[in-house]
C-alpha atoms as a PDB file:
ATOM      1  CA  MET A   1     -19.757 -14.920 -14.404  1.00  0.00           C
ATOM      2  CA  TRP A   2     -18.077 -11.572 -15.091  1.00  0.00           C
ATOM      3  CA  ASP A   3     -16.978  -9.303 -17.900  1.00  0.00           C
ATOM      4  CA  ARG A   4     -13.588  -7.662 -18.288  1.00  0.00           C
ATOM      5  CA  GLY A   5     -13.266  -4.388 -16.411  1.00  0.00           C
ATOM      6  CA  PRO A   6     -10.587  -1.731 -16.414  1.00  0.00           C
ATOM      7  CA  ILE A   7      -7.318  -2.165 -14.557  1.00  0.00           C
ATOM      8  CA  ARG A   8      -7.658  -0.566 -11.145  1.00  0.00           C
ATOM      9  CA  PRO A   9      -5.619   2.643 -10.889  1.00  0.00           C
ATOM     10  CA  SER A  10      -2.918   2.278  -8.287  1.00  0.00           C
ATOM     11  CA  CYS A  11      -2.833   4.465  -5.216  1.00  0.00           C
ATOM     12  CA  TRP A  12       0.219   6.188  -6.663  1.00  0.00           C
ATOM     13  CA  LYS A  13      -1.521   6.933  -9.965  1.00  0.00           C
ATOM     14  CA  LYS A  14      -4.460   8.503  -8.136  1.00  0.00           C
ATOM     15  CA  LEU A  15      -1.999  10.398  -5.974  1.00  0.00           C
ATOM     16  CA  VAL A  16       0.045  11.864  -8.811  1.00  0.00           C
ATOM     17  CA  LEU A  17      -3.012  12.696 -10.911  1.00  0.00           C
ATOM     18  CA  GLY A  18      -4.528  14.418  -7.915  1.00  0.00           C
ATOM     19  CA  ALA A  19      -1.340  16.379  -7.350  1.00  0.00           C
ATOM     20  CA  ALA A  20      -1.186  17.496 -10.966  1.00  0.00           C
ATOM     21  CA  ALA A  21      -4.845  18.470 -11.198  1.00  0.00           C
ATOM     22  CA  LEU A  22      -5.540  20.003  -7.817  1.00  0.00           C
ATOM     23  CA  ALA A  23      -2.359  21.283  -6.267  1.00  0.00           C
ATOM     24  CA  GLY A  24      -0.102  24.213  -6.923  1.00  0.00           C
ATOM     25  CA  PRO A  25       3.418  24.710  -5.612  1.00  0.00           C
ATOM     26  CA  GLY A  26       3.661  24.339  -1.869  1.00  0.00           C
ATOM     27  CA  THR A  27       0.235  22.743  -1.506  1.00  0.00           C
ATOM     28  CA  LEU A  28      -0.232  19.894   0.935  1.00  0.00           C
ATOM     29  CA  ILE A  29      -2.400  17.115  -0.437  1.00  0.00           C
ATOM     30  CA  VAL A  30      -3.590  13.872   1.095  1.00  0.00           C
ATOM     31  CA  VAL A  31      -4.648  11.524  -1.686  1.00  0.00           C
ATOM     32  CA  CYS A  32      -4.198   8.041  -0.286  1.00  0.00           C
ATOM     33  CA  ILE A  33      -2.409   5.944   2.289  1.00  0.00           C
ATOM     34  CA  LEU A  34       0.597   3.943   1.193  1.00  0.00           C
ATOM     35  CA  ASN A  35       1.756   1.112   3.382  1.00  0.00           C
ATOM     36  CA  ALA A  36       2.988  -1.511   0.966  1.00  0.00           C
ATOM     37  CA  PRO A  37       5.731  -3.884   2.136  1.00  0.00           C
ATOM     38  CA  ALA A  38       8.109  -5.786  -0.075  1.00  0.00           C
ATOM     39  CA  VAL A  39       6.763  -8.921  -1.735  1.00  0.00           C
ATOM     40  CA  ARG A  40       7.687 -12.205  -0.079  1.00  0.00           C
ATOM     41  CA  ALA A  41       6.035 -15.299  -1.494  1.00  0.00           C
ATOM     42  CA  GLN A  42       5.569 -17.260   1.716  1.00  0.00           C
ATOM     43  CA  ASP A  43       4.094 -14.296   3.612  1.00  0.00           C
ATOM     44  CA  ALA A  44       0.884 -14.544   1.573  1.00  0.00           C
ATOM     45  CA  ILE A  45       0.195 -17.929   3.137  1.00  0.00           C
ATOM     46  CA  ASP A  46       1.948 -17.997   6.512  1.00  0.00           C
ATOM     47  CA  TRP A  47       0.070 -15.129   8.165  1.00  0.00           C
ATOM     48  CA  GLN A  48      -3.256 -16.972   7.844  1.00  0.00           C
ATOM     49  CA  THR A  49      -1.907 -20.009   9.692  1.00  0.00           C
ATOM     50  CA  LYS A  50      -0.302 -17.863  12.387  1.00  0.00           C
ATOM     51  CA  ALA A  51      -3.590 -15.976  12.916  1.00  0.00           C
ATOM     52  CA  GLY A  52      -5.417 -19.222  13.689  1.00  0.00           C
ATOM     53  CA  GLY A  53      -6.923 -20.411  10.419  1.00  0.00           C
ATOM     54  CA  LYS A  54     -10.571 -20.158   9.435  1.00  0.00           C
ATOM     55  CA  MET A  55     -12.896 -18.091  11.628  1.00  0.00           C
ATOM     56  CA  ALA A  56     -16.062 -16.029  11.168  1.00  0.00           C
ATOM     57  CA  PHE A  57     -17.895 -13.017  12.585  1.00  0.00           C
ATOM     58  CA  ASP A  58     -20.609 -13.715  15.126  1.00  0.00           C
ATOM     59  CA  VAL A  59     -23.050 -11.367  13.349  1.00  0.00           C
ATOM     60  CA  ALA A  60     -22.648  -9.309  10.159  1.00  0.00           C
ATOM     61  CA  SER A  61     -24.689  -7.249   7.707  1.00  0.00           C
ATOM     62  CA  ILE A  62     -23.837  -5.986   4.196  1.00  0.00           C
ATOM     63  CA  LYS A  63     -25.804  -3.200   2.504  1.00  0.00           C
ATOM     64  CA  PRO A  64     -25.192  -1.131  -0.641  1.00  0.00           C
ATOM     65  CA  SER A  65     -23.727   2.268   0.233  1.00  0.00           C
ATOM     66  CA  LYS A  66     -25.045   5.212  -1.794  1.00  0.00           C
ATOM     67  CA  GLY A  67     -24.283   8.191   0.433  1.00  0.00           C
ATOM     68  CA  ALA A  68     -21.116  10.039   1.344  1.00  0.00           C
ATOM     69  CA  PHE A  69     -18.092   7.891   2.078  1.00  0.00           C
ATOM     70  CA  VAL A  70     -17.561   7.112   5.762  1.00  0.00           C
ATOM     71  CA  PRO A  71     -14.080   5.903   6.818  1.00  0.00           C
ATOM     72  CA  SER A  72     -13.820   2.513   8.503  1.00  0.00           C
ATOM     73  CA  ASN A  73     -13.217   2.271  12.251  1.00  0.00           C
ATOM     74  CA  PHE A  74      -9.700   0.932  11.540  1.00  0.00           C
ATOM     75  CA  PRO A  75      -7.538   0.953   8.373  1.00  0.00           C
ATOM     76  CA  LEU A  76      -8.697  -1.669   5.866  1.00  0.00           C
ATOM     77  CA  ASP A  77      -5.261  -2.111   4.382  1.00  0.00           C
ATOM     78  CA  PRO A  78      -2.649  -4.874   4.463  1.00  0.00           C
ATOM     79  CA  SER A  79      -0.518  -3.044   7.048  1.00  0.00           C
ATOM     80  CA  ASP A  80      -0.347  -3.854  10.761  1.00  0.00           C
ATOM     81  CA  ASN A  81      -1.731  -0.397  11.655  1.00  0.00           C
ATOM     82  CA  TYR A  82      -4.586  -1.328  13.998  1.00  0.00           C
ATOM     83  CA  GLY A  83      -6.242  -0.280  17.221  1.00  0.00           C
ATOM     84  CA  ALA A  84      -8.443  -2.529  19.326  1.00  0.00           C
ATOM     85  CA  THR A  85     -12.149  -2.205  18.405  1.00  0.00           C
ATOM     86  CA  ASN A  86     -13.642  -4.804  20.787  1.00  0.00           C
ATOM     87  CA  GLY A  87     -14.187  -7.051  17.780  1.00  0.00           C
ATOM     88  CA  ARG A  88     -16.323  -4.536  15.854  1.00  0.00           C
ATOM     89  CA  LEU A  89     -15.934  -3.699  12.167  1.00  0.00           C
ATOM     90  CA  SER A  90     -17.725  -0.738  10.611  1.00  0.00           C
ATOM     91  CA  ALA A  91     -16.671  -0.064   7.030  1.00  0.00           C
ATOM     92  CA  ASP A  92     -17.723   1.509   3.727  1.00  0.00           C
ATOM     93  CA  ASP A  93     -15.686   0.225   0.788  1.00  0.00           C
ATOM     94  CA  THR A  94     -15.721  -1.549  -2.559  1.00  0.00           C
ATOM     95  CA  LEU A  95     -15.513  -5.308  -2.799  1.00  0.00           C
ATOM     96  CA  ALA A  96     -12.008  -4.886  -4.224  1.00  0.00           C
ATOM     97  CA  GLY A  97     -11.033  -3.004  -1.071  1.00  0.00           C
ATOM     98  CA  TYR A  98     -12.486  -5.710   1.144  1.00  0.00           C
ATOM     99  CA  ILE A  99     -10.643  -8.404  -0.840  1.00  0.00           C
ATOM    100  CA  GLU A 100      -7.327  -6.600  -0.458  1.00  0.00           C
ATOM    101  CA  PHE A 101      -7.944  -6.300   3.280  1.00  0.00           C
ATOM    102  CA  ALA A 102      -9.157  -9.884   3.731  1.00  0.00           C
ATOM    103  CA  TYR A 103      -6.281 -11.478   1.825  1.00  0.00           C
ATOM    104  CA  LYS A 104      -3.602  -8.959   2.861  1.00  0.00           C
ATOM    105  CA  VAL A 105      -2.615  -8.132  -0.712  1.00  0.00           C
ATOM    106  CA  TRP A 106      -1.098  -4.860  -1.833  1.00  0.00           C
ATOM    107  CA  GLU A 107      -2.194  -2.698  -4.723  1.00  0.00           C
ATOM    108  CA  THR A 108       0.731  -3.436  -7.032  1.00  0.00           C
ATOM    109  CA  GLU A 109       0.554  -3.219 -10.803  1.00  0.00           C
ATOM    110  CA  LEU A 110       0.814  -7.017 -11.070  1.00  0.00           C
ATOM    111  CA  GLN A 111      -2.109  -7.501  -8.693  1.00  0.00           C
ATOM    112  CA  ASN A 112      -4.164  -4.796 -10.437  1.00  0.00           C
ATOM    113  CA  ARG A 113      -3.611  -6.573 -13.738  1.00  0.00           C
ATOM    114  CA  GLU A 114      -5.068  -9.750 -12.244  1.00  0.00           C
ATOM    115  CA  PHE A 115      -8.056  -7.825 -10.837  1.00  0.00           C
ATOM    116  CA  SER A 116      -8.723  -6.307 -14.279  1.00  0.00           C
ATOM    117  CA  HIS A 117     -10.604  -9.513 -15.163  1.00  0.00           C
ATOM    118  CA  LEU A 118     -13.244  -8.811 -12.513  1.00  0.00           C
ATOM    119  CA  PRO A 119     -16.590  -7.149 -13.248  1.00  0.00           C
ATOM    120  CA  LYS A 120     -16.594  -3.366 -13.076  1.00  0.00           C
ATOM    121  CA  TRP A 121     -18.878  -3.181 -10.024  1.00  0.00           C
ATOM    122  CA  VAL A 122     -16.217  -4.933  -7.898  1.00  0.00           C
ATOM    123  CA  ASN A 123     -14.092  -1.772  -8.158  1.00  0.00           C
ATOM    124  CA  THR A 124     -16.841   0.860  -8.152  1.00  0.00           C
ATOM    125  CA  ASP A 125     -19.838  -0.169  -6.005  1.00  0.00           C
ATOM    126  CA  ARG A 126     -19.446   0.509  -2.287  1.00  0.00           C
ATOM    127  CA  TYR A 127     -20.908  -1.655   0.469  1.00  0.00           C
ATOM    128  CA  ASN A 128     -21.446  -0.865   4.124  1.00  0.00           C
ATOM    129  CA  VAL A 129     -20.327  -3.701   6.390  1.00  0.00           C
ATOM    130  CA  GLU A 130     -21.260  -3.855  10.078  1.00  0.00           C
ATOM    131  CA  ALA A 131     -19.859  -6.911  11.829  1.00  0.00           C
ATOM    132  CA  GLN A 132     -19.071  -8.139  15.321  1.00  0.00           C
ATOM    133  CA  ALA A 133     -16.613 -10.853  16.310  1.00  0.00           C
ATOM    134  CA  ALA A 134     -17.500 -13.407  18.944  1.00  0.00           C
ATOM    135  CA  THR A 135     -14.261 -12.752  20.825  1.00  0.00           C
ATOM    136  CA  GLY A 136     -13.679  -9.386  22.451  1.00  0.00           C
ATOM    137  CA  ASN A 137     -10.272  -8.397  21.075  1.00  0.00           C
ATOM    138  CA  PRO A 138      -9.228 -10.180  17.856  1.00  0.00           C
ATOM    139  CA  THR A 139      -6.051  -9.166  16.036  1.00  0.00           C
ATOM    140  CA  LYS A 140      -6.175  -7.428  12.672  1.00  0.00           C
ATOM    141  CA  ASP A 141      -5.153 -10.653  10.909  1.00  0.00           C
ATOM    142  CA  GLN A 142      -7.973 -12.497  12.672  1.00  0.00           C
ATOM    143  CA  MET A 143     -10.391  -9.819  11.439  1.00  0.00           C
ATOM    144  CA  ARG A 144      -9.048 -10.517   7.934  1.00  0.00           C
ATOM    145  CA  LEU A 145      -9.876 -14.215   8.294  1.00  0.00           C
ATOM    146  CA  MET A 146     -13.410 -13.342   9.420  1.00  0.00           C
ATOM    147  CA  MET A 147     -13.757 -11.063   6.387  1.00  0.00           C
ATOM    148  CA  GLN A 148     -12.660 -13.929   4.128  1.00  0.00           C
ATOM    149  CA  ALA A 149     -15.481 -16.067   5.513  1.00  0.00           C
ATOM    150  CA  LEU A 150     -17.982 -13.204   5.123  1.00  0.00           C
ATOM    151  CA  LEU A 151     -16.996 -12.615   1.490  1.00  0.00           C
ATOM    152  CA  ALA A 152     -17.252 -16.322   0.740  1.00  0.00           C
ATOM    153  CA  ASP A 153     -20.717 -16.492   2.334  1.00  0.00           C
ATOM    154  CA  ARG A 154     -22.264 -13.304   0.932  1.00  0.00           C
ATOM    155  CA  PHE A 155     -20.386 -12.706  -2.360  1.00  0.00           C
ATOM    156  CA  GLN A 156     -19.720 -16.393  -3.128  1.00  0.00           C
ATOM    157  CA  LEU A 157     -16.062 -15.408  -3.375  1.00  0.00           C
ATOM    158  CA  THR A 158     -13.474 -18.091  -3.978  1.00  0.00           C
ATOM    159  CA  ALA A 159      -9.795 -17.243  -4.467  1.00  0.00           C
ATOM    160  CA  HIS A 160      -6.324 -18.734  -4.359  1.00  0.00           C
ATOM    161  CA  PHE A 161      -2.702 -17.582  -4.483  1.00  0.00           C
ATOM    162  CA  GLU A 162      -0.436 -18.401  -7.400  1.00  0.00           C
ATOM    163  CA  ILE A 163       3.329 -18.057  -7.105  1.00  0.00           C
ATOM    164  CA  ARG A 164       4.742 -16.601 -10.328  1.00  0.00           C
ATOM    165  CA  GLU A 165       8.329 -15.844 -11.294  1.00  0.00           C
ATOM    166  CA  VAL A 166       8.438 -12.250 -12.514  1.00  0.00           C
ATOM    167  CA  PRO A 167      10.989  -9.441 -13.026  1.00  0.00           C
ATOM    168  CA  VAL A 168      11.600  -7.534  -9.786  1.00  0.00           C
ATOM    169  CA  PHE A 169      13.984  -4.975  -8.346  1.00  0.00           C
ATOM    170  CA  GLN A 170      16.043  -5.730  -5.258  1.00  0.00           C
ATOM    171  CA  LEU A 171      16.468  -2.786  -2.892  1.00  0.00           C
ATOM    172  CA  ARG A 172      20.070  -2.651  -1.652  1.00  0.00           C
ATOM    173  CA  LEU A 173      22.408  -0.227   0.081  1.00  0.00           C
ATOM    174  CA  ALA A 174      24.387   1.840  -2.434  1.00  0.00           C
ATOM    175  CA  LYS A 175      27.380   1.643  -0.065  1.00  0.00           C
ATOM    176  CA  PRO A 176      27.624  -1.406   2.246  1.00  0.00           C
ATOM    177  CA  GLY A 177      26.560  -0.604   5.801  1.00  0.00           C
ATOM    178  CA  LYS A 178      25.950   3.106   5.098  1.00  0.00           C
ATOM    179  CA  PRO A 179      22.368   4.471   4.882  1.00  0.00           C
ATOM    180  CA  GLY A 180      21.820   7.926   3.399  1.00  0.00           C
ATOM    181  CA  PRO A 181      21.332  11.187   5.341  1.00  0.00           C
ATOM    182  CA  LYS A 182      17.520  11.112   5.107  1.00  0.00           C
ATOM    183  CA  LEU A 183      17.185   7.527   6.384  1.00  0.00           C
ATOM    184  CA  ILE A 184      17.666   7.518  10.144  1.00  0.00           C
ATOM    185  CA  SER A 185      16.941   5.083  12.931  1.00  0.00           C
ATOM    186  CA  HIS A 186      13.606   5.861  14.574  1.00  0.00           C
ATOM    187  CA  ALA A 187      15.317   5.515  17.947  1.00  0.00           C
ATOM    188  CA  ASP A 188      17.427   8.568  17.056  1.00  0.00           C
ATOM    189  CA  GLY A 189      14.391  10.741  16.246  1.00  0.00           C
ATOM    190  CA  PRO A 190      11.351  11.948  18.204  1.00  0.00           C
ATOM    191  CA  PRO A 191       8.908   9.323  19.514  1.00  0.00           C
ATOM    192  CA  CYS A 192       5.593   8.842  17.728  1.00  0.00           C
ATOM    193  CA  ASP A 193       3.661  10.890  20.304  1.00  0.00           C
ATOM    194  CA  LYS A 194       5.813  13.956  19.480  1.00  0.00           C
ATOM    195  CA  PRO A 195       5.660  15.609  16.035  1.00  0.00           C
ATOM    196  CA  GLY A 196       9.292  16.686  15.674  1.00  0.00           C
ATOM    197  CA  VAL A 197      10.406  19.297  13.123  1.00  0.00           C
ATOM    198  CA  SER A 198       8.301  19.790   9.990  1.00  0.00           C
ATOM    199  CA  PRO A 199      10.102  18.687   6.782  1.00  0.00           C
ATOM    200  CA  VAL A 200       8.327  21.510   4.882  1.00  0.00           C
ATOM    201  CA  ARG A 201       9.590  25.021   5.669  1.00  0.00           C
ATOM    202  CA  ASP A 202       6.406  26.813   4.543  1.00  0.00           C
ATOM    203  CA  HIS A 203       4.161  24.467   6.546  1.00  0.00           C
ATOM    204  CA  PRO A 204       5.558  24.283  10.101  1.00  0.00           C
ATOM    205  CA  ASP A 205       2.496  22.406  11.377  1.00  0.00           C
ATOM    206  CA  PHE A 206       2.908  19.554   8.880  1.00  0.00           C
ATOM    207  CA  HIS A 207       4.419  16.290  10.136  1.00  0.00           C
ATOM    208  CA  PHE A 208       4.725  12.792   8.752  1.00  0.00           C
ATOM    209  CA  VAL A 209       2.772  10.099  10.580  1.00  0.00           C
ATOM    210  CA  CYS A 210       4.232   7.017  12.250  1.00  0.00           C
ATOM    211  CA  HIS A 211       3.649   3.565  10.736  1.00  0.00           C
ATOM    212  CA  THR A 212       2.064   4.740   7.502  1.00  0.00           C
ATOM    213  CA  PHE A 213       2.736   6.791   4.375  1.00  0.00           C
ATOM    214  CA  SER A 214      -0.249   9.098   4.498  1.00  0.00           C
ATOM    215  CA  PRO A 215       0.388  12.779   3.682  1.00  0.00           C
ATOM    216  CA  PHE A 216       2.015  13.326   0.316  1.00  0.00           C
ATOM    217  CA  VAL A 217       3.320  16.832  -0.254  1.00  0.00           C
ATOM    218  CA  ASP A 218       3.369  18.620  -3.601  1.00  0.00           C
ATOM    219  CA  LEU A 219       6.241  21.119  -3.754  1.00  0.00           C
ATOM    220  CA  GLY A 220       5.647  22.203  -7.356  1.00  0.00           C
ATOM    221  CA  THR A 221       8.249  20.484  -9.551  1.00  0.00           C
ATOM    222  CA  THR A 222       9.038  17.881  -6.890  1.00  0.00           C
ATOM    223  CA  LEU A 223       7.080  15.633  -4.534  1.00  0.00           C
ATOM    224  CA  LEU A 224       7.905  14.800  -0.930  1.00  0.00           C
ATOM    225  CA  LEU A 225       7.191  11.390   0.605  1.00  0.00           C
ATOM    226  CA  GLY A 226       8.031  10.225   4.104  1.00  0.00           C
ATOM    227  CA  SER A 227       7.085   8.318   7.196  1.00  0.00           C
ATOM    228  CA  ARG A 228       8.276   7.485  10.687  1.00  0.00           C
ATOM    229  CA  ASP A 229       8.807   4.230  12.553  1.00  0.00           C
ATOM    230  CA  VAL A 230       8.596   1.872   9.560  1.00  0.00           C
ATOM    231  CA  SER A 231      10.544  -1.239   8.578  1.00  0.00           C
ATOM    232  CA  MET A 232      12.628  -1.488   5.428  1.00  0.00           C
ATOM    233  CA  ASP A 233      10.301  -4.000   3.784  1.00  0.00           C
ATOM    234  CA  VAL A 234       7.434  -1.509   4.152  1.00  0.00           C
ATOM    235  CA  LEU A 235       9.584   1.217   2.603  1.00  0.00           C
ATOM    236  CA  ALA A 236      10.544  -1.122  -0.259  1.00  0.00           C
ATOM    237  CA  GLY A 237       6.938  -1.899  -1.063  1.00  0.00           C
ATOM    238  CA  THR A 238       6.029   1.779  -1.066  1.00  0.00           C
ATOM    239  CA  ILE A 239       8.738   2.477  -3.625  1.00  0.00           C
ATOM    240  CA  SER A 240       7.305  -0.444  -5.606  1.00  0.00           C
ATOM    241  CA  GLU A 241       3.981   1.425  -5.702  1.00  0.00           C
ATOM    242  CA  ALA A 242       5.812   4.532  -6.883  1.00  0.00           C
ATOM    243  CA  LEU A 243       7.443   2.626  -9.740  1.00  0.00           C
ATOM    244  CA  ALA A 244       4.031   1.278 -10.730  1.00  0.00           C
ATOM    245  CA  GLY A 245       2.692   4.822 -10.862  1.00  0.00           C
ATOM    246  CA  PRO A 246       4.646   7.873 -11.990  1.00  0.00           C
ATOM    247  CA  LEU A 247       7.720   5.934 -13.136  1.00  0.00           C
ATOM    248  CA  ALA A 248       5.719   3.052 -14.659  1.00  0.00           C
ATOM    249  CA  PHE A 249       8.283   0.262 -14.320  1.00  0.00           C
ATOM    250  CA  GLY A 250       5.618  -2.070 -12.965  1.00  0.00           C
ATOM    251  CA  ARG A 251       7.914  -4.315 -10.914  1.00  0.00           C
ATOM    252  CA  PRO A 252       7.664  -5.391  -7.282  1.00  0.00           C
ATOM    253  CA  ILE A 253      10.590  -4.422  -5.058  1.00  0.00           C
ATOM    254  CA  ILE A 254      12.142  -6.805  -2.542  1.00  0.00           C
ATOM    255  CA  ASP A 255      14.114  -5.540   0.447  1.00  0.00           C
ATOM    256  CA  LYS A 256      17.696  -6.849   0.365  1.00  0.00           C
ATOM    257  CA  THR A 257      19.312  -4.023   2.346  1.00  0.00           C
ATOM    258  CA  GLY A 258      20.027  -6.162   5.407  1.00  0.00           C
ATOM    259  CA  LEU A 259      18.874  -3.248   7.579  1.00  0.00           C
ATOM    260  CA  THR A 260      16.810  -4.252  10.619  1.00  0.00           C
ATOM    261  CA  GLY A 261      14.805  -2.165  13.045  1.00  0.00           C
ATOM    262  CA  ARG A 262      12.557   0.829  12.392  1.00  0.00           C
ATOM    263  CA  PHE A 263      13.359   4.006  10.468  1.00  0.00           C
ATOM    264  CA  ASP A 264      12.246   7.586   9.801  1.00  0.00           C
ATOM    265  CA  PHE A 265      12.777   8.947   6.305  1.00  0.00           C
ATOM    266  CA  THR A 266      11.925  11.709   3.844  1.00  0.00           C
ATOM    267  CA  LEU A 267      12.329  11.423   0.076  1.00  0.00           C
ATOM    268  CA  GLU A 268      11.996  14.311  -2.406  1.00  0.00           C
ATOM    269  CA  PHE A 269      11.926  13.608  -6.148  1.00  0.00           C
ATOM    270  CA  ALA A 270      10.724  15.032  -9.479  1.00  0.00           C
ATOM    271  CA  ARG A 271       7.035  14.723 -10.340  1.00  0.00           C
ATOM    272  CA  GLU A 272       7.532  13.366 -13.867  1.00  0.00           C
ATOM    273  CA  ARG A 273       9.084  10.122 -15.103  1.00  0.00           C
ATOM    274  CA  ARG A 274      11.902  10.757 -17.536  1.00  0.00           C
ATOM    275  CA  THR A 275      13.002   7.210 -18.389  1.00  0.00           C
ATOM    276  CA  PRO A 276      11.133   5.302 -21.170  1.00  0.00           C
ATOM    277  CA  ALA A 277       8.591   2.920 -19.630  1.00  0.00           C
ATOM    278  CA  GLY A 278      10.047  -0.073 -21.470  1.00  0.00           C
ATOM    279  CA  SER A 279      13.567   0.535 -20.204  1.00  0.00           C
ATOM    280  CA  ASP A 280      15.199  -2.083 -17.995  1.00  0.00           C
ATOM    281  CA  SER A 281      17.314   0.593 -16.285  1.00  0.00           C
ATOM    282  CA  PRO A 282      15.707   3.154 -13.963  1.00  0.00           C
ATOM    283  CA  ASP A 283      18.518   5.742 -14.310  1.00  0.00           C
ATOM    284  CA  ALA A 284      17.632   9.236 -15.565  1.00  0.00           C
ATOM    285  CA  SER A 285      18.303  12.849 -14.682  1.00  0.00           C
ATOM    286  CA  ASP A 286      16.636  16.237 -15.090  1.00  0.00           C
ATOM    287  CA  PRO A 287      17.460  19.729 -13.828  1.00  0.00           C
ATOM    288  CA  ALA A 288      13.883  20.105 -12.503  1.00  0.00           C
ATOM    289  CA  GLY A 289      14.740  17.732  -9.668  1.00  0.00           C
ATOM    290  CA  PRO A 290      16.150  14.283  -8.923  1.00  0.00           C
ATOM    291  CA  THR A 291      14.385  11.226 -10.227  1.00  0.00           C
ATOM    292  CA  LEU A 292      13.037   8.806  -7.660  1.00  0.00           C
ATOM    293  CA  LEU A 293      16.054   6.564  -8.261  1.00  0.00           C
ATOM    294  CA  GLU A 294      18.520   9.425  -7.863  1.00  0.00           C
ATOM    295  CA  ALA A 295      16.742  10.494  -4.676  1.00  0.00           C
ATOM    296  CA  LEU A 296      16.928   6.941  -3.346  1.00  0.00           C
ATOM    297  CA  ARG A 297      20.681   6.911  -3.907  1.00  0.00           C
ATOM    298  CA  ASP A 298      21.586  10.397  -2.676  1.00  0.00           C
ATOM    299  CA  GLN A 299      19.029  10.852   0.115  1.00  0.00           C
ATOM    300  CA  LEU A 300      18.454   7.322   1.444  1.00  0.00           C
ATOM    301  CA  GLY A 301      21.673   5.632   0.308  1.00  0.00           C
ATOM    302  CA  LEU A 302      19.747   2.944  -1.601  1.00  0.00           C
ATOM    303  CA  LYS A 303      19.806   1.468  -5.106  1.00  0.00           C
ATOM    304  CA  LEU A 304      17.724  -0.949  -7.196  1.00  0.00           C
ATOM    305  CA  GLU A 305      19.099  -4.048  -8.943  1.00  0.00           C
ATOM    306  CA  SER A 306      17.149  -5.913 -11.624  1.00  0.00           C
ATOM    307  CA  THR A 307      16.500  -9.656 -11.171  1.00  0.00           C
ATOM    308  CA  LYS A 308      13.675 -12.236 -11.054  1.00  0.00           C
ATOM    309  CA  ALA A 309      11.832 -13.631  -8.040  1.00  0.00           C
ATOM    310  CA  SER A 310       8.768 -15.660  -7.038  1.00  0.00           C
ATOM    311  CA  VAL A 311       5.820 -13.377  -6.227  1.00  0.00           C
ATOM    312  CA  PRO A 312       2.385 -14.342  -4.815  1.00  0.00           C
ATOM    313  CA  ILE A 313      -0.601 -13.175  -6.892  1.00  0.00           C
ATOM    314  CA  LEU A 314      -4.183 -13.468  -5.611  1.00  0.00           C
ATOM    315  CA  VAL A 315      -6.423 -15.012  -8.290  1.00  0.00           C
ATOM    316  CA  ILE A 316     -10.208 -14.619  -7.986  1.00  0.00           C
ATOM    317  CA  ASP A 317     -11.971 -17.781  -9.162  1.00  0.00           C
ATOM    318  CA  LYS A 318     -15.585 -16.728  -8.588  1.00  0.00           C
ATOM    319  CA  VAL A 319     -17.566 -13.730  -7.333  1.00  0.00           C
ATOM    320  CA  ASP A 320     -21.241 -12.683  -7.386  1.00  0.00           C
ATOM    321  CA  ARG A 321     -23.187  -9.682  -6.153  1.00  0.00           C
ATOM    322  CA  PRO A 322     -24.015 -10.070  -2.452  1.00  0.00           C
ATOM    323  CA  SER A 323     -26.946 -12.041  -1.170  1.00  0.00           C
ATOM    324  CA  GLY A 324     -29.475 -10.440   1.204  1.00  0.00           C
ATOM    325  CA  ASN A 325     -28.988 -10.145   4.957  1.00  0.00           C
END
């Protein structure tokens, strides 16, 4: 049915490679959007039931896309970032991207390893999807369920979740009840419709975006990451992506901080990993700048603890190239 393809590069790997190849000191780069939340086994199943179970688009077409990339009319990611589209979906993405959207899975190293068994075209060939829901204002999760049905119909896709016990890091407060100076309650900062003060002195017009980790700033020897109005489980998952990329620990991160509500944060850390990839401890230091783990501790007041946990992994059982409209 398929041959073995390469492991999909994570968003963080693309991001760091892009920073190294394209950007000089002080350059602002936007490589990808990072919205990953912490892994919770039951979440992979519960959201589908809460959204209403199986449903399908009223009409839909799928065509190979050969031209310039055109962004979708709403973010095809597992986040809740969504604006009403009157039930319309217009997108240009790979099948892998559509699967991640449809099943609400995040681009972690564990998930990429599972997707490495898929044929190469799943990760490289883009398809234009134009679809319309029967109802006027479905939620983003309901659009996911409709995409599941479309992928099953046109790509003969079948998939299931497996719960596997794997090594993880727990994200905890370094000092009980005391977040760091760069992790502040969103209620104490500017609202999302106001930009606030730029975190980059040489770029006064630059601002982090609410609800998503989108701009990633290259400051030469260090990198700056941030967002506004996000939950701690979203922050934890984003750090998980970072550890799967430049630091190469390859473990999911689970939020155990006990912090509730929404937060604004900025995090500046060294571009290069300086701890051996096989190490079980993420501690390291370098005069060029703090490691990600040092920055977590000193700037956000957070630490990582090694343990094991049950993690949902999406397994693809079958997939074919799409049938005609």
